[in-house]
Amino acid sequence: MSDAQVVVVVGGGIAGLAAAAFLSGAAGGPARARVTVLEASGRVGGKLWGGEVGGVRVDLGAESVLARRPEAVELARAVGLGGELEPPTTAKAAIWTRGALRPLPGGQVMGVPGDLEALAASGVLTDEGLERARHERSTEVGEDVAVGRYVADRLGQEVVDRLVEPLLGGVYAGRAEEISLRAAVPQLLSIARDGGSLVAGVHELASRPKVVGTPVFQGLRGGLGTLPGAVAAACVRAGVDLRTDAPVDELRRTPDGWRVVTGGEVLHADAVVLAVPAPAAARLLREDAPAAATELDAVEYAGMALVTLAFRRADLAEPPSGSGFLVPPVDGRQIKASTFSSNKWGWLERSAPDAFLLRTSLGRYREEEALGLPDEELVARSLADLREAIGLTARPYDTFVSRFSAGLPQYPVGHLDRVARVRAAAGRVGKLALCGAAYDGVGIPACIGSAAAAAAAVDRLLTPATGEGSTERTMGA
């Protein structure tokens, strides 16, 4: 790609930043383009966000990445944060259900049990629910099926209500009866199509040897919210023109590229990467890719709120143990989960030994009314549930509420087909790539992988078809 090639990346969340890093050489490898990033808000990072609560630096958005999918860890290392990677101190989680905290049973995959003895020992299910799970029924699946429907048919509704819903909901803030098995848990679809026992298949999957020395999750000392800043700084050093408070007002195809209008300024780009939520992408593509816009308009989002609470350890009768707990919606509580941050992250305990920080989450798909409540009410609801769940009676000395009104895209049955149609329609327009949580997975590694694929696609579009030194090979997309 010659020095004259210009790529505009719309969106400064982790996907947009990663795409800019891959194209500019900031993440390693040669520079492939001159890149401009346009972020509508006043900061980069999107749902990766850090700040102080009670004088302690914490994550106010996402706090960890799935380390056994490598993209996020590799990007952190590429921008100089390799030495800051740190796994959780404890991953001992519980489920608050049937009036008690019960251990999350081992040997499960996204709540689907692979060890019925561990499930029985956990006490998560009633005797009736456990008996139903022991009498697994066979069922056929086609190209796709909702996770909740499939698991309920095989193992009973209670497995879905008390295990699958809280675990899957923690990832998607969605509803198991609507989330696509093919999109969200494809390894279970493979088991389903083999025609054998689901429990046995999950047991085999959960028992596979793990990569030696590789933790399941990783965070960063100082919080995962430090990652966007490090990627942005690396991009700027690589020559990226990174702009905040720069919403894109208009995007139009031209004979030789794209016309991008931001704040009255007209930019000309050889190619564009759209790394924004589906509604924003739909708005920008309405004129030149109406078919893609129509599909993107149909992508729904779940809203949620995170409530961070800072306590003085001296005020706690006894700090809670473990990493936190999940809450099945069927139990009718206000909160959906709680993370005991000071237990989970050693760096946080070391940096603030006299404080104890935890957080709760409220809201999920079609249950976003909590987002409209005052901060004080969300704090009060969180404290009421925490008192009942873990006996917490202390009052926090500081609080912070993070709201994500369109936090997580939903992946219903047929989602992957919709994504394929969006990309096909965008491809017909030419010199355009899309990436982010709406397409290839909602996790941070998935978003970075999506960005790598978008950068590779742009590289192919703008590079003569020699195959020499492609971005795809450079980035492992």
Protein backbone atom coordinates (compact mmCIF):
# COMPACT_ATOMS: atom_id res chain seq x y z
CA MET A 1 0.00 0.00 0.00
CA SER A 2 1.51 3.33 -1.00
CA ASP A 3 1.93 6.30 1.30
CA ALA A 4 -0.96 8.00 -0.52
CA GLN A 5 -3.49 5.45 0.72
CA VAL A 6 -5.73 6.95 3.42
CA VAL A 7 -8.09 4.98 5.66
CA VAL A 8 -10.64 6.63 7.93
CA VAL A 9 -11.69 4.55 10.92
CA VAL A 10 -15.04 5.66 12.31
CA GLY A 11 -15.25 4.82 16.01
CA GLY A 12 -12.65 4.93 18.76
CA GLY A 13 -13.71 1.97 20.86
CA ILE A 14 -11.33 -0.95 21.22
CA ALA A 15 -12.29 -2.32 17.80
CA GLY A 16 -11.64 0.98 16.03
CA LEU A 17 -8.39 1.57 17.90
CA ALA A 18 -7.23 -1.95 17.12
CA ALA A 19 -8.04 -1.55 13.43
CA ALA A 20 -6.06 1.70 13.38
CA ALA A 21 -3.16 0.03 15.18
CA PHE A 22 -3.03 -2.85 12.71
CA LEU A 23 -3.22 -0.58 9.65
CA SER A 24 -0.71 1.98 10.92
CA GLY A 25 1.89 -0.49 12.16
CA ALA A 26 1.34 0.55 15.79
CA ALA A 27 0.70 -3.09 16.72
CA GLY A 28 3.77 -4.37 14.92
CA GLY A 29 4.52 -4.98 11.28
CA PRO A 30 4.74 -2.41 8.51
CA ALA A 31 2.40 0.54 8.14
CA ARG A 32 -0.29 -0.19 5.56
CA ALA A 33 -2.01 3.20 5.37
CA ARG A 34 -2.23 6.72 6.69
CA VAL A 35 -5.02 6.46 9.22
CA THR A 36 -7.47 8.92 10.76
CA VAL A 37 -9.69 7.82 13.65
CA LEU A 38 -12.89 9.76 14.29
CA GLU A 39 -14.52 9.22 17.69
CA ALA A 40 -17.81 10.99 18.39
CA SER A 41 -17.41 11.17 22.18
CA GLY A 42 -14.82 12.97 24.24
CA ARG A 43 -12.74 9.87 24.98
CA VAL A 44 -11.58 6.68 23.33
CA GLY A 45 -12.20 3.19 24.63
CA GLY A 46 -15.97 2.76 24.54
CA LYS A 47 -16.92 0.16 27.16
CA LEU A 48 -13.29 -0.03 28.33
CA TRP A 49 -13.17 2.77 30.83
CA GLY A 50 -11.37 3.48 34.08
CA GLY A 51 -11.67 6.07 36.82
CA GLU A 52 -11.41 6.65 40.54
CA VAL A 53 -13.97 5.54 43.11
CA GLY A 54 -13.14 6.38 46.69
CA GLY A 55 -9.68 7.49 45.65
CA VAL A 56 -8.95 4.09 44.11
CA ARG A 57 -8.33 3.51 40.42
CA VAL A 58 -10.79 0.89 39.12
CA ASP A 59 -12.48 -0.27 35.95
CA LEU A 60 -15.83 1.36 35.31
CA GLY A 61 -16.60 -0.90 32.36
CA ALA A 62 -15.22 -4.26 31.25
CA GLU A 63 -12.56 -5.57 33.62
CA SER A 64 -11.10 -8.75 32.12
CA VAL A 65 -10.48 -10.58 28.86
CA LEU A 66 -10.69 -14.22 27.90
CA ALA A 67 -6.98 -15.01 27.77
CA ARG A 68 -7.28 -18.32 25.95
CA ARG A 69 -8.42 -16.39 22.93
CA PRO A 70 -5.17 -14.53 22.21
CA GLU A 71 -6.06 -11.29 20.44
CA ALA A 72 -6.44 -8.99 23.46
CA VAL A 73 -3.36 -10.30 25.24
CA GLU A 74 -1.31 -9.99 22.06
CA LEU A 75 -2.47 -6.41 21.48
CA ALA A 76 -1.67 -5.47 25.09
CA ARG A 77 1.83 -6.83 24.64
CA ALA A 78 2.26 -5.07 21.30
CA VAL A 79 1.55 -1.66 22.86
CA GLY A 80 3.84 -2.18 25.84
CA LEU A 81 1.46 -3.55 28.48
CA GLY A 82 2.72 -7.12 28.53
CA GLY A 83 4.30 -6.63 31.93
CA GLU A 84 1.01 -5.35 33.34
CA LEU A 85 -1.03 -8.45 32.53
CA GLU A 86 -2.28 -10.19 35.64
CA PRO A 87 -4.76 -13.06 36.11
CA PRO A 88 -7.47 -12.93 38.77
CA THR A 89 -6.33 -13.80 42.27
CA THR A 90 -9.43 -15.93 42.69
CA ALA A 91 -12.05 -17.21 40.31
CA LYS A 92 -14.20 -18.88 42.94
CA ALA A 93 -17.68 -17.75 41.94
CA ALA A 94 -21.12 -18.58 43.30
CA ILE A 95 -24.74 -18.46 42.21
CA TRP A 96 -27.25 -16.73 44.44
CA THR A 97 -30.33 -18.85 43.96
CA ARG A 98 -33.04 -20.53 46.00
CA GLY A 99 -32.25 -18.26 48.95
CA ALA A 100 -28.53 -19.03 49.32
CA LEU A 101 -25.12 -18.56 47.76
CA ARG A 102 -24.22 -21.85 46.11
CA PRO A 103 -20.92 -22.74 44.43
CA LEU A 104 -20.82 -22.53 40.67
CA PRO A 105 -20.50 -26.19 39.68
CA GLY A 106 -17.34 -27.20 37.86
CA GLY A 107 -17.22 -29.00 34.55
CA GLN A 108 -19.78 -26.77 32.83
CA VAL A 109 -19.63 -24.76 29.62
CA MET A 110 -21.69 -21.57 29.68
CA GLY A 111 -23.89 -23.14 32.34
CA VAL A 112 -24.46 -26.42 30.52
CA PRO A 113 -23.36 -29.14 32.95
CA GLY A 114 -20.80 -31.79 32.10
CA ASP A 115 -20.58 -33.24 35.61
CA LEU A 116 -23.92 -34.12 37.17
CA GLU A 117 -22.32 -35.08 40.48
CA ALA A 118 -20.74 -31.64 40.79
CA LEU A 119 -24.09 -30.15 39.84
CA ALA A 120 -25.84 -32.16 42.56
CA ALA A 121 -23.23 -31.17 45.15
CA SER A 122 -23.65 -27.49 44.35
CA GLY A 123 -27.32 -27.45 45.38
CA VAL A 124 -28.14 -25.05 42.55
CA LEU A 125 -31.02 -27.18 41.28
CA THR A 126 -34.00 -28.55 43.14
CA ASP A 127 -34.32 -32.32 43.46
CA GLU A 128 -36.85 -32.26 40.64
CA GLY A 129 -34.59 -30.21 38.41
CA LEU A 130 -31.63 -32.48 39.08
CA GLU A 131 -33.68 -35.60 38.37
CA ARG A 132 -34.81 -34.13 35.04
CA ALA A 133 -31.19 -33.32 34.12
CA ARG A 134 -30.21 -36.93 34.84
CA HIS A 135 -32.75 -38.12 32.25
CA GLU A 136 -31.36 -36.40 29.19
CA ARG A 137 -33.58 -36.43 26.14
CA SER A 138 -32.37 -36.49 22.57
CA THR A 139 -33.41 -33.75 20.22
CA GLU A 140 -32.49 -32.73 16.71
CA VAL A 141 -31.13 -29.35 15.70
CA GLY A 142 -31.02 -27.74 12.30
CA GLU A 143 -28.79 -24.90 11.18
CA ASP A 144 -29.37 -23.00 14.41
CA VAL A 145 -31.47 -23.04 17.56
CA ALA A 146 -31.84 -20.87 20.66
CA VAL A 147 -29.51 -21.94 23.47
CA GLY A 148 -32.30 -21.97 26.04
CA ARG A 149 -34.67 -23.99 23.92
CA TYR A 150 -32.06 -26.60 23.07
CA VAL A 151 -30.79 -27.06 26.64
CA ALA A 152 -34.32 -27.10 28.08
CA ASP A 153 -35.33 -29.84 25.65
CA ARG A 154 -32.28 -31.90 26.55
CA LEU A 155 -31.83 -31.28 30.29
CA GLY A 156 -34.90 -29.43 31.54
CA GLN A 157 -35.95 -25.83 32.04
CA GLU A 158 -34.40 -25.54 35.48
CA VAL A 159 -30.89 -26.01 34.08
CA VAL A 160 -31.60 -23.07 31.79
CA ASP A 161 -33.19 -20.91 34.48
CA ARG A 162 -30.57 -21.38 37.21
CA LEU A 163 -27.36 -22.03 35.27
CA VAL A 164 -27.46 -21.07 31.61
CA GLU A 165 -29.35 -17.80 32.08
CA PRO A 166 -26.97 -16.23 34.64
CA LEU A 167 -23.82 -17.32 32.80
CA LEU A 168 -24.97 -16.49 29.28
CA GLY A 169 -26.64 -13.33 30.58
CA GLY A 170 -23.34 -12.26 32.09
CA VAL A 171 -21.84 -12.25 28.61
CA TYR A 172 -24.71 -10.93 26.49
CA ALA A 173 -27.11 -9.37 29.02
CA GLY A 174 -29.64 -11.28 26.97
CA ARG A 175 -32.16 -14.10 27.23
CA ALA A 176 -31.16 -17.70 26.72
CA GLU A 177 -34.43 -18.53 24.98
CA GLU A 178 -33.47 -16.15 22.17
CA ILE A 179 -29.67 -16.29 21.92
CA SER A 180 -28.28 -18.26 18.99
CA LEU A 181 -26.43 -21.47 19.81
CA ARG A 182 -24.50 -21.20 16.55
CA ALA A 183 -23.35 -17.64 17.26
CA ALA A 184 -22.86 -17.71 21.03
CA VAL A 185 -21.74 -21.26 21.87
CA PRO A 186 -20.77 -22.93 18.59
CA GLN A 187 -18.89 -25.73 20.37
CA LEU A 188 -22.23 -26.90 21.79
CA LEU A 189 -23.75 -26.91 18.32
CA SER A 190 -21.05 -29.33 17.22
CA ILE A 191 -21.94 -31.59 20.16
CA ALA A 192 -25.63 -31.31 19.29
CA ARG A 193 -25.05 -32.35 15.70
CA ASP A 194 -22.99 -35.38 16.72
CA GLY A 195 -26.16 -36.84 18.20
CA GLY A 196 -24.61 -38.09 21.43
CA SER A 197 -25.14 -37.06 25.04
CA LEU A 198 -24.93 -33.33 25.67
CA VAL A 199 -23.64 -33.89 29.22
CA ALA A 200 -20.94 -36.29 27.99
CA GLY A 201 -19.96 -33.92 25.21
CA VAL A 202 -19.64 -30.98 27.61
CA HIS A 203 -17.64 -33.16 30.00
CA GLU A 204 -15.19 -34.01 27.22
CA LEU A 205 -14.99 -30.37 26.17
CA ALA A 206 -14.42 -29.14 29.73
CA SER A 207 -11.80 -31.85 30.36
CA ARG A 208 -9.55 -31.08 27.42
CA PRO A 209 -5.98 -30.20 28.42
CA LYS A 210 -5.55 -26.48 28.77
CA VAL A 211 -2.55 -24.54 27.51
CA VAL A 212 0.08 -24.91 30.21
CA GLY A 213 0.57 -21.72 32.18
CA THR A 214 -2.25 -19.87 30.41
CA PRO A 215 -4.96 -18.49 32.72
CA VAL A 216 -8.55 -18.46 31.57
CA PHE A 217 -8.89 -14.69 32.13
CA GLN A 218 -6.48 -11.79 32.32
CA GLY A 219 -6.71 -8.24 33.55
CA LEU A 220 -4.26 -5.35 33.64
CA ARG A 221 -2.68 -3.77 36.69
CA GLY A 222 -4.42 -0.45 37.00
CA GLY A 223 -7.45 -1.84 35.22
CA LEU A 224 -8.38 -2.94 31.72
CA GLY A 225 -9.38 0.67 31.11
CA THR A 226 -5.67 1.42 30.59
CA LEU A 227 -5.64 -0.60 27.35
CA PRO A 228 -7.40 1.93 25.06
CA GLY A 229 -5.07 4.72 26.15
CA ALA A 230 -2.01 2.58 25.46
CA VAL A 231 -3.30 1.57 22.02
CA ALA A 232 -4.21 5.18 21.24
CA ALA A 233 -0.76 6.39 22.28
CA ALA A 234 0.90 3.75 20.10
CA CYS A 235 -1.30 4.80 17.19
CA VAL A 236 -0.37 8.46 17.60
CA ARG A 237 3.33 7.55 17.71
CA ALA A 238 2.77 5.65 14.45
CA GLY A 239 1.32 8.78 12.85
CA VAL A 240 -2.41 8.16 13.27
CA ASP A 241 -4.54 11.30 13.33
CA LEU A 242 -6.77 10.44 16.30
CA ARG A 243 -9.66 12.82 16.95
CA THR A 244 -12.22 12.82 19.74
CA ASP A 245 -15.42 14.92 19.78
CA ALA A 246 -15.49 14.23 16.05
CA PRO A 247 -18.84 12.68 15.09
CA VAL A 248 -19.27 11.73 11.45
CA ASP A 249 -22.17 13.64 9.97
CA GLU A 250 -22.10 12.10 6.51
CA LEU A 251 -20.42 9.22 4.71
CA ARG A 252 -20.73 8.95 0.93
CA ARG A 253 -19.05 6.84 -1.72
CA THR A 254 -17.11 8.68 -4.42
CA PRO A 255 -15.66 7.33 -7.67
CA ASP A 256 -12.23 6.91 -6.08
CA GLY A 257 -13.04 6.36 -2.42
CA TRP A 258 -15.15 7.96 0.31
CA ARG A 259 -16.23 11.41 1.38
CA VAL A 260 -16.36 11.75 5.16
CA VAL A 261 -17.88 14.85 6.76
CA THR A 262 -17.10 15.64 10.39
CA GLY A 263 -17.82 18.95 12.07
CA GLY A 264 -18.12 20.72 8.74
CA GLU A 265 -14.75 19.39 7.56
CA VAL A 266 -14.63 17.14 4.52
CA LEU A 267 -12.12 14.29 4.54
CA HIS A 268 -11.32 12.10 1.56
CA ALA A 269 -10.44 8.46 2.18
CA ASP A 270 -9.41 5.60 -0.05
CA ALA A 271 -11.18 3.20 2.31
CA VAL A 272 -13.30 3.29 5.45
CA VAL A 273 -13.56 1.03 8.48
CA LEU A 274 -16.82 1.35 10.40
CA ALA A 275 -16.19 0.38 14.04
CA VAL A 276 -19.37 1.78 15.55
CA PRO A 277 -22.55 0.18 16.94
CA ALA A 278 -25.05 -1.12 14.42
CA PRO A 279 -27.47 1.86 14.60
CA ALA A 280 -24.67 4.33 13.88
CA ALA A 281 -23.37 2.18 11.03
CA ALA A 282 -26.90 1.94 9.60
CA ARG A 283 -27.26 5.73 9.63
CA LEU A 284 -23.99 6.23 7.77
CA LEU A 285 -24.71 3.55 5.16
CA ARG A 286 -28.32 4.55 4.47
CA GLU A 287 -27.58 6.17 1.10
CA ASP A 288 -24.87 3.98 -0.40
CA ALA A 289 -25.64 0.58 1.14
CA PRO A 290 -29.36 0.59 1.99
CA ALA A 291 -29.56 -3.21 2.18
CA ALA A 292 -26.79 -3.27 4.78
CA ALA A 293 -28.46 -0.42 6.68
CA THR A 294 -31.77 -2.29 6.82
CA GLU A 295 -30.08 -5.36 8.29
CA LEU A 296 -28.13 -3.26 10.80
CA ASP A 297 -31.32 -1.51 11.89
CA ALA A 298 -32.63 -4.90 13.00
CA VAL A 299 -29.76 -5.52 15.45
CA GLU A 300 -31.08 -4.98 18.97
CA TYR A 301 -29.09 -3.99 22.05
CA ALA A 302 -29.33 -4.59 25.78
CA GLY A 303 -28.79 -1.78 28.27
CA MET A 304 -27.22 -2.19 31.70
CA ALA A 305 -25.77 -0.30 34.61
CA LEU A 306 -22.71 -1.07 36.72
CA VAL A 307 -22.68 0.16 40.31
CA THR A 308 -19.22 0.40 41.91
CA LEU A 309 -19.17 0.59 45.70
CA ALA A 310 -16.16 1.50 47.86
CA PHE A 311 -16.15 0.39 51.53
CA ARG A 312 -13.63 0.86 54.29
CA ARG A 313 -12.42 -2.55 55.38
CA ALA A 314 -12.65 -1.43 58.98
CA ASP A 315 -16.41 -1.01 58.50
CA LEU A 316 -16.92 -4.58 57.29
CA ALA A 317 -17.75 -7.21 59.88
CA GLU A 318 -16.14 -9.70 57.52
CA PRO A 319 -15.16 -9.11 53.88
CA PRO A 320 -16.99 -11.43 51.51
CA SER A 321 -15.03 -14.36 50.11
CA GLY A 322 -14.59 -15.49 46.53
CA SER A 323 -14.72 -13.50 43.32
CA GLY A 324 -18.46 -12.76 43.41
CA PHE A 325 -21.75 -14.29 42.39
CA LEU A 326 -24.28 -14.51 39.58
CA VAL A 327 -28.03 -14.14 39.99
CA PRO A 328 -30.54 -16.10 37.89
CA PRO A 329 -33.35 -13.82 36.67
CA VAL A 330 -35.87 -16.45 37.77
CA ASP A 331 -35.11 -15.54 41.39
CA GLY A 332 -36.53 -12.05 40.87
CA ARG A 333 -33.69 -10.01 42.37
CA GLN A 334 -32.70 -6.50 41.35
CA ILE A 335 -29.05 -7.18 40.62
CA LYS A 336 -27.88 -9.67 37.99
CA ALA A 337 -24.38 -10.21 39.39
CA SER A 338 -21.81 -8.88 41.82
CA THR A 339 -18.02 -8.90 41.52
CA PHE A 340 -15.84 -8.62 44.63
CA SER A 341 -13.18 -6.60 42.85
CA SER A 342 -10.75 -6.34 45.76
CA ASN A 343 -10.76 -10.14 46.07
CA LYS A 344 -10.60 -10.79 42.35
CA TRP A 345 -7.69 -8.53 41.48
CA GLY A 346 -4.49 -8.67 43.48
CA TRP A 347 -3.29 -5.35 42.08
CA LEU A 348 -6.39 -3.65 43.46
CA GLU A 349 -5.94 -5.11 46.93
CA ARG A 350 -2.27 -4.11 46.90
CA SER A 351 -2.98 -0.57 45.78
CA ALA A 352 -5.79 0.02 48.31
CA PRO A 353 -5.36 -2.36 51.28
CA ASP A 354 -7.69 -0.35 53.52
CA ALA A 355 -10.54 -0.29 51.02
CA PHE A 356 -12.83 -2.99 49.71
CA LEU A 357 -14.39 -2.44 46.30
CA LEU A 358 -17.15 -4.42 44.70
CA ARG A 359 -19.63 -3.81 41.95
CA THR A 360 -23.05 -4.96 40.87
CA SER A 361 -24.81 -5.05 37.52
CA LEU A 362 -28.45 -4.27 36.83
CA GLY A 363 -30.51 -4.53 33.67
CA ARG A 364 -30.62 -6.89 30.71
CA TYR A 365 -32.35 -7.21 27.34
CA ARG A 366 -35.93 -5.92 27.61
CA GLU A 367 -35.38 -5.12 31.29
CA GLU A 368 -33.62 -1.78 31.02
CA GLU A 369 -35.92 0.26 33.28
CA ALA A 370 -33.11 0.49 35.82
CA LEU A 371 -31.21 2.75 33.45
CA GLY A 372 -33.76 5.50 34.02
CA LEU A 373 -33.48 5.45 37.81
CA PRO A 374 -31.36 7.93 39.78
CA ASP A 375 -27.92 6.79 40.87
CA GLU A 376 -29.05 6.78 44.50
CA GLU A 377 -31.83 4.30 43.73
CA LEU A 378 -29.48 1.93 41.89
CA VAL A 379 -27.09 2.06 44.83
CA ALA A 380 -29.95 1.42 47.28
CA ARG A 381 -31.22 -1.56 45.27
CA SER A 382 -27.71 -2.98 45.08
CA LEU A 383 -27.16 -2.62 48.81
CA ALA A 384 -30.51 -4.23 49.61
CA ASP A 385 -29.67 -7.31 47.56
CA LEU A 386 -26.10 -7.45 48.91
CA ARG A 387 -27.42 -7.38 52.44
CA GLU A 388 -29.66 -10.35 51.76
CA ALA A 389 -27.09 -12.27 49.71
CA ILE A 390 -23.93 -11.83 51.80
CA GLY A 391 -25.08 -10.06 54.96
CA LEU A 392 -23.42 -6.77 53.99
CA THR A 393 -24.64 -4.00 56.31
CA ALA A 394 -21.85 -1.44 55.97
CA ARG A 395 -22.39 1.78 54.04
CA PRO A 396 -20.06 2.65 51.18
CA TYR A 397 -17.98 5.79 51.50
CA ASP A 398 -18.10 6.35 47.74
CA THR A 399 -20.09 5.07 44.76
CA PHE A 400 -20.15 5.40 41.00
CA VAL A 401 -22.76 4.34 38.45
CA SER A 402 -21.77 3.52 34.86
CA ARG A 403 -24.63 3.36 32.37
CA PHE A 404 -24.52 1.62 29.00
CA SER A 405 -27.82 2.40 27.28
CA ALA A 406 -26.94 0.27 24.25
CA GLY A 407 -24.27 -1.83 25.85
CA LEU A 408 -24.38 -5.24 24.20
CA PRO A 409 -25.73 -6.30 20.80
CA GLN A 410 -28.02 -9.31 20.89
CA TYR A 411 -27.24 -12.46 18.93
CA PRO A 412 -30.61 -14.12 18.21
CA VAL A 413 -31.12 -17.18 16.05
CA GLY A 414 -30.06 -16.22 12.54
CA HIS A 415 -27.60 -13.54 13.67
CA LEU A 416 -24.65 -14.94 11.73
CA ASP A 417 -26.72 -15.03 8.55
CA ARG A 418 -27.62 -11.39 9.12
CA VAL A 419 -23.94 -10.49 9.55
CA ALA A 420 -23.12 -12.28 6.31
CA ARG A 421 -25.81 -10.28 4.49
CA VAL A 422 -24.51 -7.02 5.96
CA ARG A 423 -20.97 -7.74 4.84
CA ALA A 424 -22.09 -8.87 1.40
CA ALA A 425 -24.06 -5.64 0.91
CA ALA A 426 -21.16 -3.54 2.21
CA GLY A 427 -18.79 -5.42 -0.07
CA ARG A 428 -20.81 -4.45 -3.10
CA VAL A 429 -20.20 -0.79 -2.27
CA GLY A 430 -16.46 -1.39 -2.13
CA LYS A 431 -13.47 -0.28 -0.04
CA LEU A 432 -15.44 -0.63 3.16
CA ALA A 433 -15.06 -2.94 6.17
CA LEU A 434 -17.05 -3.28 9.38
CA CYS A 435 -15.96 -4.53 12.78
CA GLY A 436 -16.95 -4.53 16.42
CA ALA A 437 -19.21 -6.28 18.89
CA ALA A 438 -22.20 -6.46 16.53
CA TYR A 439 -20.55 -8.95 14.20
CA ASP A 440 -18.12 -11.59 15.43
CA GLY A 441 -18.59 -11.80 19.19
CA VAL A 442 -19.12 -9.37 22.06
CA GLY A 443 -15.95 -10.14 24.04
CA ILE A 444 -12.89 -7.92 23.83
CA PRO A 445 -10.72 -10.53 22.06
CA ALA A 446 -13.53 -11.07 19.56
CA CYS A 447 -13.76 -7.33 18.90
CA ILE A 448 -10.01 -7.11 18.35
CA GLY A 449 -10.13 -10.15 16.09
CA SER A 450 -12.94 -8.49 14.17
CA ALA A 451 -10.76 -5.39 13.81
CA ALA A 452 -7.86 -7.49 12.55
CA ALA A 453 -10.09 -9.06 9.93
CA ALA A 454 -11.38 -5.61 8.87
CA ALA A 455 -7.84 -4.26 8.57
CA ALA A 456 -6.83 -7.29 6.53
CA ALA A 457 -9.84 -6.78 4.25
CA VAL A 458 -8.91 -3.13 3.70
CA ASP A 459 -5.33 -4.14 2.99
CA ARG A 460 -6.52 -6.55 0.31
CA LEU A 461 -8.79 -3.93 -1.21
CA LEU A 462 -6.04 -1.34 -1.46
CA THR A 463 -3.08 -3.57 -2.29
CA PRO A 464 -2.38 -5.12 -5.69
CA ALA A 465 -3.20 -8.83 -5.58
CA THR A 466 0.37 -10.04 -5.13
CA GLY A 467 -0.29 -11.67 -1.77
CA GLU A 468 3.07 -10.39 -0.57
CA GLY A 469 3.27 -9.44 3.10
CA SER A 470 -0.45 -9.10 3.62
CA THR A 471 -1.87 -7.58 6.77
CA GLU A 472 -3.80 -10.78 7.32
CA ARG A 473 -0.59 -12.73 7.85
CA THR A 474 1.01 -9.92 9.83
CA MET A 475 -1.91 -9.77 12.27
CA GLY A 476 -2.92 -13.40 12.32
CA ALA A 477 -6.50 -12.48 11.37
